[in-house]
Amino acid sequence: MPARYAVIGNPIDHSKSPLIHRAFAEETGQDLEYGRLLGSLEGFESEVRAFFDSGGSGLNVTVPFKERAWALAEVRGRAGEGAGAVNTLSLGEDGRIIG
């Protein structure tokens, strides 16, 4: 079963991330799926949790959700702390969201 990743944003249809990440995965022999998620302004946090609850491995976060992703992250890197924003979310082995 391939690892599942996506980019979440609003708007999102224009994102080239799926093409870029699929090409990289193919070139490096990685088995993964990479899609687009249209995040809703009202439900971003629950949509992120649902993605991880359904087996998702990681998300790239784009506008307008970078600050909300930072607030949602339970573990943050030093750069994210300084910026008050993160552009990636993953799920740690302990189940906490990492930004």
Protein backbone atom coordinates (compact mmCIF):
# COMPACT_ATOMS: atom_id res chain seq x y z
CA MET A 1 0.00 0.00 0.00
CA PRO A 2 1.51 3.34 -1.00
CA ALA A 3 2.12 6.10 1.51
CA ARG A 4 -0.47 8.85 1.04
CA TYR A 5 0.42 12.55 0.96
CA ALA A 6 -1.36 15.70 -0.21
CA VAL A 7 -1.22 19.45 -0.40
CA ILE A 8 -4.04 21.28 1.36
CA GLY A 9 -5.05 24.84 0.58
CA ASN A 10 -7.82 27.09 -0.67
CA PRO A 11 -7.70 27.52 -3.62
CA ILE A 12 -5.77 24.38 -4.60
CA ASP A 13 -6.59 23.37 -8.20
CA HIS A 14 -3.62 25.33 -9.54
CA SER A 15 -1.04 23.50 -7.39
CA LYS A 16 1.74 21.72 -9.23
CA SER A 17 2.77 19.85 -6.06
CA PRO A 18 1.12 16.55 -7.04
CA LEU A 19 2.95 16.50 -10.38
CA ILE A 20 6.28 17.40 -8.78
CA HIS A 21 6.02 14.88 -5.93
CA ARG A 22 4.79 12.05 -8.16
CA ALA A 23 7.69 12.63 -10.57
CA PHE A 24 10.17 12.66 -7.69
CA ALA A 25 8.66 9.46 -6.25
CA GLU A 26 8.87 7.75 -9.63
CA GLU A 27 12.46 8.86 -10.12
CA THR A 28 13.50 7.60 -6.67
CA GLY A 29 11.43 4.40 -6.69
CA GLN A 30 9.09 5.42 -3.87
CA ASP A 31 5.57 4.01 -3.67
CA LEU A 32 3.35 6.95 -2.81
CA GLU A 33 0.20 8.80 -3.73
CA TYR A 34 0.13 12.58 -3.66
CA GLY A 35 -3.08 14.53 -4.13
CA ARG A 36 -4.76 17.88 -3.60
CA LEU A 37 -7.18 18.68 -0.79
CA LEU A 38 -9.41 21.72 -0.95
CA GLY A 39 -9.47 22.86 2.66
CA SER A 40 -12.52 24.66 3.91
CA LEU A 41 -12.15 27.88 5.83
CA GLU A 42 -14.51 26.55 8.50
CA GLY A 43 -13.19 23.00 8.85
CA PHE A 44 -9.43 22.98 8.23
CA GLU A 45 -8.51 21.39 11.56
CA SER A 46 -11.08 18.58 11.31
CA GLU A 47 -10.08 17.95 7.68
CA VAL A 48 -6.42 17.55 8.67
CA ARG A 49 -7.37 15.15 11.48
CA ALA A 50 -9.61 13.16 9.11
CA PHE A 51 -6.74 12.88 6.61
CA PHE A 52 -4.45 11.41 9.26
CA ASP A 53 -7.23 9.24 10.75
CA SER A 54 -7.76 7.71 7.30
CA GLY A 55 -4.10 6.71 7.00
CA GLY A 56 -2.56 9.83 5.49
CA SER A 57 1.19 10.24 6.00
CA GLY A 58 1.79 13.95 5.51
CA LEU A 59 0.48 17.24 4.23
CA ASN A 60 2.03 20.25 2.59
CA VAL A 61 0.11 23.32 3.73
CA THR A 62 -0.47 26.37 1.59
CA VAL A 63 -2.46 29.57 1.91
CA PRO A 64 -4.47 30.46 3.82
CA PHE A 65 -3.73 27.74 6.39
CA LYS A 66 -0.07 28.05 7.43
CA GLU A 67 -0.79 29.84 10.72
CA ARG A 68 -3.67 27.48 11.54
CA ALA A 69 -1.39 24.53 10.82
CA TRP A 70 1.09 25.97 13.34
CA ALA A 71 -1.69 26.24 15.95
CA LEU A 72 -2.81 22.67 15.23
CA ALA A 73 0.69 21.19 15.47
CA GLU A 74 1.38 19.56 18.83
CA VAL A 75 5.11 19.37 18.13
CA ARG A 76 6.88 22.18 16.27
CA GLY A 77 10.36 22.71 14.94
CA ARG A 78 12.40 25.77 15.87
CA ALA A 79 11.78 27.46 12.50
CA GLY A 80 8.03 27.03 12.85
CA GLU A 81 8.09 28.43 16.35
CA GLY A 82 9.91 31.53 15.17
CA ALA A 83 7.62 32.06 12.19
CA GLY A 84 4.32 31.27 13.88
CA ALA A 85 3.50 29.21 10.80
CA VAL A 86 4.33 25.80 9.32
CA ASN A 87 4.07 24.49 5.78
CA THR A 88 4.14 20.76 6.51
CA LEU A 89 2.24 18.48 8.88
CA SER A 90 2.97 14.85 9.65
CA LEU A 91 1.86 12.34 12.25
CA GLY A 92 4.41 11.24 14.81
CA GLU A 93 4.73 7.67 16.05
CA ASP A 94 3.01 8.79 19.25
CA GLY A 95 0.03 10.10 17.28
CA ARG A 96 0.82 13.77 17.76
CA ILE A 97 0.72 16.15 14.81
CA ILE A 98 4.15 17.52 13.92
CA GLY A 99 4.56 20.89 12.20
